[in-house]
Amino acid sequence: MILLWFIIILFVGGILAWIAEYWNASISRWISMLALIINFCLASYLLAAQNEIAILSESSWLLYYRIPWIPSFGISFYLALDGLSLVMLILTFFLGILAVLTSWKELQYKIGFFHFNLLWVLAGITGVFLTMDLFLFYFFWEVMLIPMYLLIGIWGHENRRYAAFKFFIFTQASGLLMFVAILGLYFVHGNLTGEYTFDYFKLLGTTFSPEVGRWL
């Protein structure tokens, strides 16, 4: 459940930071900082206790969380944590804290909306590092891109709108190609096994011809 909280804290923190701007912009900064510190402390605790957690774990993961999301399409909300993804999470939250600190006095325009976008970008990155369902992976990928586009377009420097537009076009085009490849693998696996799923490890074992492999 703690894996889900990593994402919820960032999503909710972003919304609260945006709302708080209408009362006091300084509160937005503190909400953003608090959300990141909580996640950083939780991740650091998991790192310190990973040996004990690994002993108690019933799987190869340190922690995992899985519930059906859209079972008719084989989509589940599947999050899992190992040592590498834990280190990446700690680094993500640490860099997020640095981003808030460096923007503390520099940023004076739409402060709440800035922190909303920052936390939602970090929530998307967190989801990408944790998810083991390829549909969910694409979902978090898209969640990350739009706030990033706004961060570049609104708070960037010279030619920021051009840079944001270029970023959006390239990432959306590559994301669309990735999603088409995921769907192709989904249908190939389903036709071969009769099980249509976006589970990464099940799709990883899919066998297909070299011709299909070139297309995917």
C-alpha atoms as a PDB file:
ATOM      1  CA  MET A   1       0.000   0.000   0.000  1.00  0.00           C
ATOM      2  CA  ILE A   2       2.944   2.321   0.643  1.00  0.00           C
ATOM      3  CA  LEU A   3       3.719   2.243  -3.090  1.00  0.00           C
ATOM      4  CA  LEU A   4       0.294   3.647  -3.851  1.00  0.00           C
ATOM      5  CA  TRP A   5       0.817   6.356  -1.232  1.00  0.00           C
ATOM      6  CA  PHE A   6       3.973   7.545  -2.978  1.00  0.00           C
ATOM      7  CA  ILE A   7       1.793   8.492  -5.953  1.00  0.00           C
ATOM      8  CA  ILE A   8      -1.279   9.697  -4.044  1.00  0.00           C
ATOM      9  CA  ILE A   9       0.776  12.080  -1.888  1.00  0.00           C
ATOM     10  CA  LEU A  10       2.196  13.770  -4.985  1.00  0.00           C
ATOM     11  CA  PHE A  11      -1.124  13.999  -6.838  1.00  0.00           C
ATOM     12  CA  VAL A  12      -3.015  15.356  -3.821  1.00  0.00           C
ATOM     13  CA  GLY A  13      -0.129  17.627  -2.846  1.00  0.00           C
ATOM     14  CA  GLY A  14      -0.147  19.167  -6.313  1.00  0.00           C
ATOM     15  CA  ILE A  15      -3.880  19.891  -6.172  1.00  0.00           C
ATOM     16  CA  LEU A  16      -3.619  21.389  -2.669  1.00  0.00           C
ATOM     17  CA  ALA A  17      -0.648  23.535  -3.693  1.00  0.00           C
ATOM     18  CA  TRP A  18      -2.633  24.952  -6.615  1.00  0.00           C
ATOM     19  CA  ILE A  19      -5.684  25.678  -4.458  1.00  0.00           C
ATOM     20  CA  ALA A  20      -3.558  27.255  -1.703  1.00  0.00           C
ATOM     21  CA  GLU A  21      -2.255  29.850  -4.163  1.00  0.00           C
ATOM     22  CA  TYR A  22      -5.556  31.720  -3.883  1.00  0.00           C
ATOM     23  CA  TRP A  23      -4.975  32.305  -0.162  1.00  0.00           C
ATOM     24  CA  ASN A  24      -1.218  32.515   0.231  1.00  0.00           C
ATOM     25  CA  ALA A  25       1.352  31.606  -2.402  1.00  0.00           C
ATOM     26  CA  SER A  26       3.889  30.752   0.285  1.00  0.00           C
ATOM     27  CA  ILE A  27       1.647  27.922   1.480  1.00  0.00           C
ATOM     28  CA  SER A  28       1.924  26.325  -1.970  1.00  0.00           C
ATOM     29  CA  ARG A  29       5.686  26.088  -1.545  1.00  0.00           C
ATOM     30  CA  TRP A  30       5.379  24.486   1.876  1.00  0.00           C
ATOM     31  CA  ILE A  31       2.776  21.967   0.694  1.00  0.00           C
ATOM     32  CA  SER A  32       5.015  20.941  -2.187  1.00  0.00           C
ATOM     33  CA  MET A  33       8.047  20.671   0.080  1.00  0.00           C
ATOM     34  CA  LEU A  34       6.124  18.679   2.696  1.00  0.00           C
ATOM     35  CA  ALA A  35       4.832  16.172   0.125  1.00  0.00           C
ATOM     36  CA  LEU A  36       8.338  15.563  -1.207  1.00  0.00           C
ATOM     37  CA  ILE A  37       9.931  15.307   2.240  1.00  0.00           C
ATOM     38  CA  ILE A  38       7.315  12.747   3.322  1.00  0.00           C
ATOM     39  CA  ASN A  39       7.989  10.629   0.235  1.00  0.00           C
ATOM     40  CA  PHE A  40      11.753  11.011   0.601  1.00  0.00           C
ATOM     41  CA  CYS A  41      11.606   9.897   4.243  1.00  0.00           C
ATOM     42  CA  LEU A  42       9.372   6.921   3.405  1.00  0.00           C
ATOM     43  CA  ALA A  43      11.687   5.827   0.591  1.00  0.00           C
ATOM     44  CA  SER A  44      14.765   6.298   2.788  1.00  0.00           C
ATOM     45  CA  TYR A  45      13.167   4.157   5.488  1.00  0.00           C
ATOM     46  CA  LEU A  46      12.527   1.404   2.940  1.00  0.00           C
ATOM     47  CA  LEU A  47      16.162   1.608   1.843  1.00  0.00           C
ATOM     48  CA  ALA A  48      17.399   1.317   5.423  1.00  0.00           C
ATOM     49  CA  ALA A  49      15.065  -1.603   6.158  1.00  0.00           C
ATOM     50  CA  GLN A  50      15.260  -3.381   2.802  1.00  0.00           C
ATOM     51  CA  ASN A  51      17.071  -6.442   4.190  1.00  0.00           C
ATOM     52  CA  GLU A  52      14.347  -7.023   6.785  1.00  0.00           C
ATOM     53  CA  ILE A  53      11.630  -6.340   4.201  1.00  0.00           C
ATOM     54  CA  ALA A  54      13.220  -8.800   1.752  1.00  0.00           C
ATOM     55  CA  ILE A  55      13.201 -11.537   4.411  1.00  0.00           C
ATOM     56  CA  LEU A  56       9.511 -10.976   5.145  1.00  0.00           C
ATOM     57  CA  SER A  57       8.500 -10.594   1.498  1.00  0.00           C
ATOM     58  CA  GLU A  58       6.687 -13.524  -0.097  1.00  0.00           C
ATOM     59  CA  SER A  59       7.885 -12.601  -3.604  1.00  0.00           C
ATOM     60  CA  SER A  60      11.039 -11.483  -5.375  1.00  0.00           C
ATOM     61  CA  TRP A  61       9.962  -7.865  -4.877  1.00  0.00           C
ATOM     62  CA  LEU A  62      10.618  -5.812  -1.764  1.00  0.00           C
ATOM     63  CA  LEU A  63       7.025  -4.587  -1.977  1.00  0.00           C
ATOM     64  CA  TYR A  64       4.235  -4.918  -4.496  1.00  0.00           C
ATOM     65  CA  TYR A  65       0.639  -3.810  -4.831  1.00  0.00           C
ATOM     66  CA  ARG A  66      -1.796  -5.253  -7.336  1.00  0.00           C
ATOM     67  CA  ILE A  67      -5.530  -4.901  -7.860  1.00  0.00           C
ATOM     68  CA  PRO A  68      -7.658  -5.366 -11.022  1.00  0.00           C
ATOM     69  CA  TRP A  69      -8.304  -2.080 -12.793  1.00  0.00           C
ATOM     70  CA  ILE A  70     -10.033  -2.968 -16.081  1.00  0.00           C
ATOM     71  CA  PRO A  71     -10.080  -6.782 -15.900  1.00  0.00           C
ATOM     72  CA  SER A  72     -12.045  -7.203 -19.128  1.00  0.00           C
ATOM     73  CA  PHE A  73      -8.983  -5.864 -20.998  1.00  0.00           C
ATOM     74  CA  GLY A  74      -6.397  -7.510 -18.774  1.00  0.00           C
ATOM     75  CA  ILE A  75      -5.374  -4.209 -17.168  1.00  0.00           C
ATOM     76  CA  SER A  76      -4.371  -4.158 -13.509  1.00  0.00           C
ATOM     77  CA  PHE A  77      -3.011  -1.514 -11.162  1.00  0.00           C
ATOM     78  CA  TYR A  78       0.275  -3.324 -10.610  1.00  0.00           C
ATOM     79  CA  LEU A  79       3.093  -1.576  -8.740  1.00  0.00           C
ATOM     80  CA  ALA A  80       6.299  -3.276  -7.618  1.00  0.00           C
ATOM     81  CA  LEU A  81       9.503  -2.149  -5.929  1.00  0.00           C
ATOM     82  CA  ASP A  82      13.001  -3.615  -6.059  1.00  0.00           C
ATOM     83  CA  GLY A  83      16.378  -2.225  -5.018  1.00  0.00           C
ATOM     84  CA  LEU A  84      17.022  -0.342  -8.265  1.00  0.00           C
ATOM     85  CA  SER A  85      13.608   1.309  -8.465  1.00  0.00           C
ATOM     86  CA  LEU A  86      13.920   2.266  -4.786  1.00  0.00           C
ATOM     87  CA  VAL A  87      17.180   4.109  -5.475  1.00  0.00           C
ATOM     88  CA  MET A  88      15.556   5.847  -8.451  1.00  0.00           C
ATOM     89  CA  LEU A  89      12.639   6.945  -6.261  1.00  0.00           C
ATOM     90  CA  ILE A  90      14.957   8.381  -3.614  1.00  0.00           C
ATOM     91  CA  LEU A  91      16.847  10.281  -6.311  1.00  0.00           C
ATOM     92  CA  THR A  92      13.568  11.553  -7.814  1.00  0.00           C
ATOM     93  CA  PHE A  93      12.272  12.877  -4.491  1.00  0.00           C
ATOM     94  CA  PHE A  94      15.652  14.398  -3.614  1.00  0.00           C
ATOM     95  CA  LEU A  95      15.835  16.247  -6.937  1.00  0.00           C
ATOM     96  CA  GLY A  96      12.235  17.356  -6.409  1.00  0.00           C
ATOM     97  CA  ILE A  97      13.196  18.890  -3.059  1.00  0.00           C
ATOM     98  CA  LEU A  98      16.103  20.692  -4.735  1.00  0.00           C
ATOM     99  CA  ALA A  99      13.734  21.984  -7.446  1.00  0.00           C
ATOM    100  CA  VAL A 100      11.407  23.448  -4.814  1.00  0.00           C
ATOM    101  CA  LEU A 101      14.311  25.032  -2.921  1.00  0.00           C
ATOM    102  CA  THR A 102      15.864  26.621  -6.015  1.00  0.00           C
ATOM    103  CA  SER A 103      12.495  28.044  -7.102  1.00  0.00           C
ATOM    104  CA  TRP A 104      11.637  29.362  -3.621  1.00  0.00           C
ATOM    105  CA  LYS A 105      12.735  32.955  -4.257  1.00  0.00           C
ATOM    106  CA  GLU A 106      13.273  32.870  -8.003  1.00  0.00           C
ATOM    107  CA  LEU A 107       9.686  31.989  -8.905  1.00  0.00           C
ATOM    108  CA  GLN A 108       7.087  34.710  -8.373  1.00  0.00           C
ATOM    109  CA  TYR A 109       4.531  33.926 -11.098  1.00  0.00           C
ATOM    110  CA  LYS A 110       1.659  31.450 -10.709  1.00  0.00           C
ATOM    111  CA  ILE A 111       3.440  29.760  -7.826  1.00  0.00           C
ATOM    112  CA  GLY A 112       0.648  27.340  -6.954  1.00  0.00           C
ATOM    113  CA  PHE A 113       0.199  26.207 -10.546  1.00  0.00           C
ATOM    114  CA  PHE A 114       3.962  25.694 -10.846  1.00  0.00           C
ATOM    115  CA  HIS A 115       4.016  23.371  -7.849  1.00  0.00           C
ATOM    116  CA  PHE A 116       0.931  21.557  -9.136  1.00  0.00           C
ATOM    117  CA  ASN A 117       2.731  20.773 -12.383  1.00  0.00           C
ATOM    118  CA  LEU A 118       6.005  19.919 -10.642  1.00  0.00           C
ATOM    119  CA  LEU A 119       4.374  17.400  -8.293  1.00  0.00           C
ATOM    120  CA  TRP A 120       2.327  15.838 -11.091  1.00  0.00           C
ATOM    121  CA  VAL A 121       5.466  15.408 -13.202  1.00  0.00           C
ATOM    122  CA  LEU A 122       7.129  13.682 -10.254  1.00  0.00           C
ATOM    123  CA  ALA A 123       4.010  11.551  -9.694  1.00  0.00           C
ATOM    124  CA  GLY A 124       4.192  10.417 -13.316  1.00  0.00           C
ATOM    125  CA  ILE A 125       7.899   9.620 -12.991  1.00  0.00           C
ATOM    126  CA  THR A 126       7.216   7.687  -9.781  1.00  0.00           C
ATOM    127  CA  GLY A 127       4.515   5.673 -11.526  1.00  0.00           C
ATOM    128  CA  VAL A 128       6.829   4.909 -14.458  1.00  0.00           C
ATOM    129  CA  PHE A 129       9.472   3.559 -12.061  1.00  0.00           C
ATOM    130  CA  LEU A 130       6.983   1.377 -10.166  1.00  0.00           C
ATOM    131  CA  THR A 131       4.448   0.028 -12.642  1.00  0.00           C
ATOM    132  CA  MET A 132       4.584  -3.526 -13.988  1.00  0.00           C
ATOM    133  CA  ASP A 133       1.540  -3.111 -16.237  1.00  0.00           C
ATOM    134  CA  LEU A 134       2.353  -1.671 -19.662  1.00  0.00           C
ATOM    135  CA  PHE A 135      -0.980   0.124 -20.042  1.00  0.00           C
ATOM    136  CA  LEU A 136      -0.434   1.739 -16.649  1.00  0.00           C
ATOM    137  CA  PHE A 137       3.116   2.564 -17.727  1.00  0.00           C
ATOM    138  CA  TYR A 138       1.768   4.465 -20.739  1.00  0.00           C
ATOM    139  CA  PHE A 139      -0.806   6.191 -18.531  1.00  0.00           C
ATOM    140  CA  PHE A 140       1.882   7.514 -16.181  1.00  0.00           C
ATOM    141  CA  TRP A 141       4.036   8.457 -19.171  1.00  0.00           C
ATOM    142  CA  GLU A 142       1.248  10.698 -20.469  1.00  0.00           C
ATOM    143  CA  VAL A 143       0.551  12.107 -16.989  1.00  0.00           C
ATOM    144  CA  MET A 144       4.180  13.203 -16.862  1.00  0.00           C
ATOM    145  CA  LEU A 145       4.333  14.837 -20.309  1.00  0.00           C
ATOM    146  CA  ILE A 146       1.562  17.437 -20.162  1.00  0.00           C
ATOM    147  CA  PRO A 147       2.691  19.106 -16.892  1.00  0.00           C
ATOM    148  CA  MET A 148       6.256  19.074 -18.228  1.00  0.00           C
ATOM    149  CA  TYR A 149       5.055  20.864 -21.360  1.00  0.00           C
ATOM    150  CA  LEU A 150       3.417  23.526 -19.177  1.00  0.00           C
ATOM    151  CA  LEU A 151       6.513  23.912 -16.988  1.00  0.00           C
ATOM    152  CA  ILE A 152       8.652  24.571 -20.053  1.00  0.00           C
ATOM    153  CA  GLY A 153       6.104  26.762 -21.833  1.00  0.00           C
ATOM    154  CA  ILE A 154       5.202  29.003 -18.872  1.00  0.00           C
ATOM    155  CA  TRP A 155       8.351  29.181 -16.736  1.00  0.00           C
ATOM    156  CA  GLY A 156      11.071  28.501 -19.299  1.00  0.00           C
ATOM    157  CA  HIS A 157      13.532  31.083 -20.597  1.00  0.00           C
ATOM    158  CA  GLU A 158      14.095  32.317 -24.144  1.00  0.00           C
ATOM    159  CA  ASN A 159      12.119  30.557 -26.887  1.00  0.00           C
ATOM    160  CA  ARG A 160      10.271  28.623 -24.196  1.00  0.00           C
ATOM    161  CA  ARG A 161       7.072  28.261 -26.223  1.00  0.00           C
ATOM    162  CA  TYR A 162       8.955  26.906 -29.207  1.00  0.00           C
ATOM    163  CA  ALA A 163      10.917  24.559 -26.937  1.00  0.00           C
ATOM    164  CA  ALA A 164       7.714  23.403 -25.219  1.00  0.00           C
ATOM    165  CA  PHE A 165       5.960  22.805 -28.545  1.00  0.00           C
ATOM    166  CA  LYS A 166       8.940  20.886 -29.911  1.00  0.00           C
ATOM    167  CA  PHE A 167       9.162  18.828 -26.712  1.00  0.00           C
ATOM    168  CA  PHE A 168       5.445  18.036 -26.850  1.00  0.00           C
ATOM    169  CA  ILE A 169       5.481  16.975 -30.511  1.00  0.00           C
ATOM    170  CA  PHE A 170       8.508  14.700 -30.171  1.00  0.00           C
ATOM    171  CA  THR A 171       7.386  13.075 -26.915  1.00  0.00           C
ATOM    172  CA  GLN A 172       3.805  12.584 -28.082  1.00  0.00           C
ATOM    173  CA  ALA A 173       4.961  11.082 -31.375  1.00  0.00           C
ATOM    174  CA  SER A 174       7.355   8.701 -29.631  1.00  0.00           C
ATOM    175  CA  GLY A 175       4.726   7.920 -26.999  1.00  0.00           C
ATOM    176  CA  LEU A 176       2.184   7.065 -29.690  1.00  0.00           C
ATOM    177  CA  LEU A 177       4.643   4.713 -31.392  1.00  0.00           C
ATOM    178  CA  MET A 178       5.353   3.100 -28.033  1.00  0.00           C
ATOM    179  CA  PHE A 179       1.635   2.623 -27.374  1.00  0.00           C
ATOM    180  CA  VAL A 180       1.107   1.064 -30.817  1.00  0.00           C
ATOM    181  CA  ALA A 181       3.960  -1.367 -30.068  1.00  0.00           C
ATOM    182  CA  ILE A 182       2.420  -2.196 -26.677  1.00  0.00           C
ATOM    183  CA  LEU A 183      -0.957  -2.869 -28.306  1.00  0.00           C
ATOM    184  CA  GLY A 184       0.713  -5.017 -30.947  1.00  0.00           C
ATOM    185  CA  LEU A 185       2.429  -7.106 -28.287  1.00  0.00           C
ATOM    186  CA  TYR A 186      -0.864  -7.296 -26.363  1.00  0.00           C
ATOM    187  CA  PHE A 187      -2.743  -8.756 -29.357  1.00  0.00           C
ATOM    188  CA  VAL A 188       0.088 -11.072 -30.424  1.00  0.00           C
ATOM    189  CA  HIS A 189       0.300 -12.528 -26.924  1.00  0.00           C
ATOM    190  CA  GLY A 190      -3.484 -12.834 -26.743  1.00  0.00           C
ATOM    191  CA  ASN A 191      -3.718 -14.661 -30.065  1.00  0.00           C
ATOM    192  CA  LEU A 192      -0.958 -17.086 -29.072  1.00  0.00           C
ATOM    193  CA  THR A 193      -2.036 -17.842 -25.512  1.00  0.00           C
ATOM    194  CA  GLY A 194      -5.694 -16.848 -25.334  1.00  0.00           C
ATOM    195  CA  GLU A 195      -4.844 -14.476 -22.467  1.00  0.00           C
ATOM    196  CA  TYR A 196      -5.016 -10.774 -23.229  1.00  0.00           C
ATOM    197  CA  THR A 197      -2.964  -8.935 -20.646  1.00  0.00           C
ATOM    198  CA  PHE A 198      -0.700  -5.925 -20.199  1.00  0.00           C
ATOM    199  CA  ASP A 199       1.352  -7.669 -17.489  1.00  0.00           C
ATOM    200  CA  TYR A 200       4.995  -6.917 -18.285  1.00  0.00           C
ATOM    201  CA  PHE A 201       6.393 -10.296 -17.273  1.00  0.00           C
ATOM    202  CA  LYS A 202       3.782 -12.278 -19.170  1.00  0.00           C
ATOM    203  CA  LEU A 203       4.346 -10.203 -22.289  1.00  0.00           C
ATOM    204  CA  LEU A 204       8.102 -10.552 -21.842  1.00  0.00           C
ATOM    205  CA  GLY A 205       7.842 -14.271 -22.569  1.00  0.00           C
ATOM    206  CA  THR A 206       5.844 -13.827 -25.777  1.00  0.00           C
ATOM    207  CA  THR A 207       7.316 -15.627 -28.783  1.00  0.00           C
ATOM    208  CA  PHE A 208       6.731 -14.268 -32.267  1.00  0.00           C
ATOM    209  CA  SER A 209       8.223 -14.474 -35.735  1.00  0.00           C
ATOM    210  CA  PRO A 210      11.158 -12.268 -36.810  1.00  0.00           C
ATOM    211  CA  GLU A 211       8.822 -10.421 -39.183  1.00  0.00           C
ATOM    212  CA  VAL A 212       6.436  -9.497 -36.349  1.00  0.00           C
ATOM    213  CA  GLY A 213       9.433  -8.599 -34.193  1.00  0.00           C
ATOM    214  CA  ARG A 214      10.639  -6.078 -36.775  1.00  0.00           C
ATOM    215  CA  TRP A 215       7.257  -4.337 -36.727  1.00  0.00           C
ATOM    216  CA  LEU A 216       7.111  -4.257 -32.942  1.00  0.00           C
END
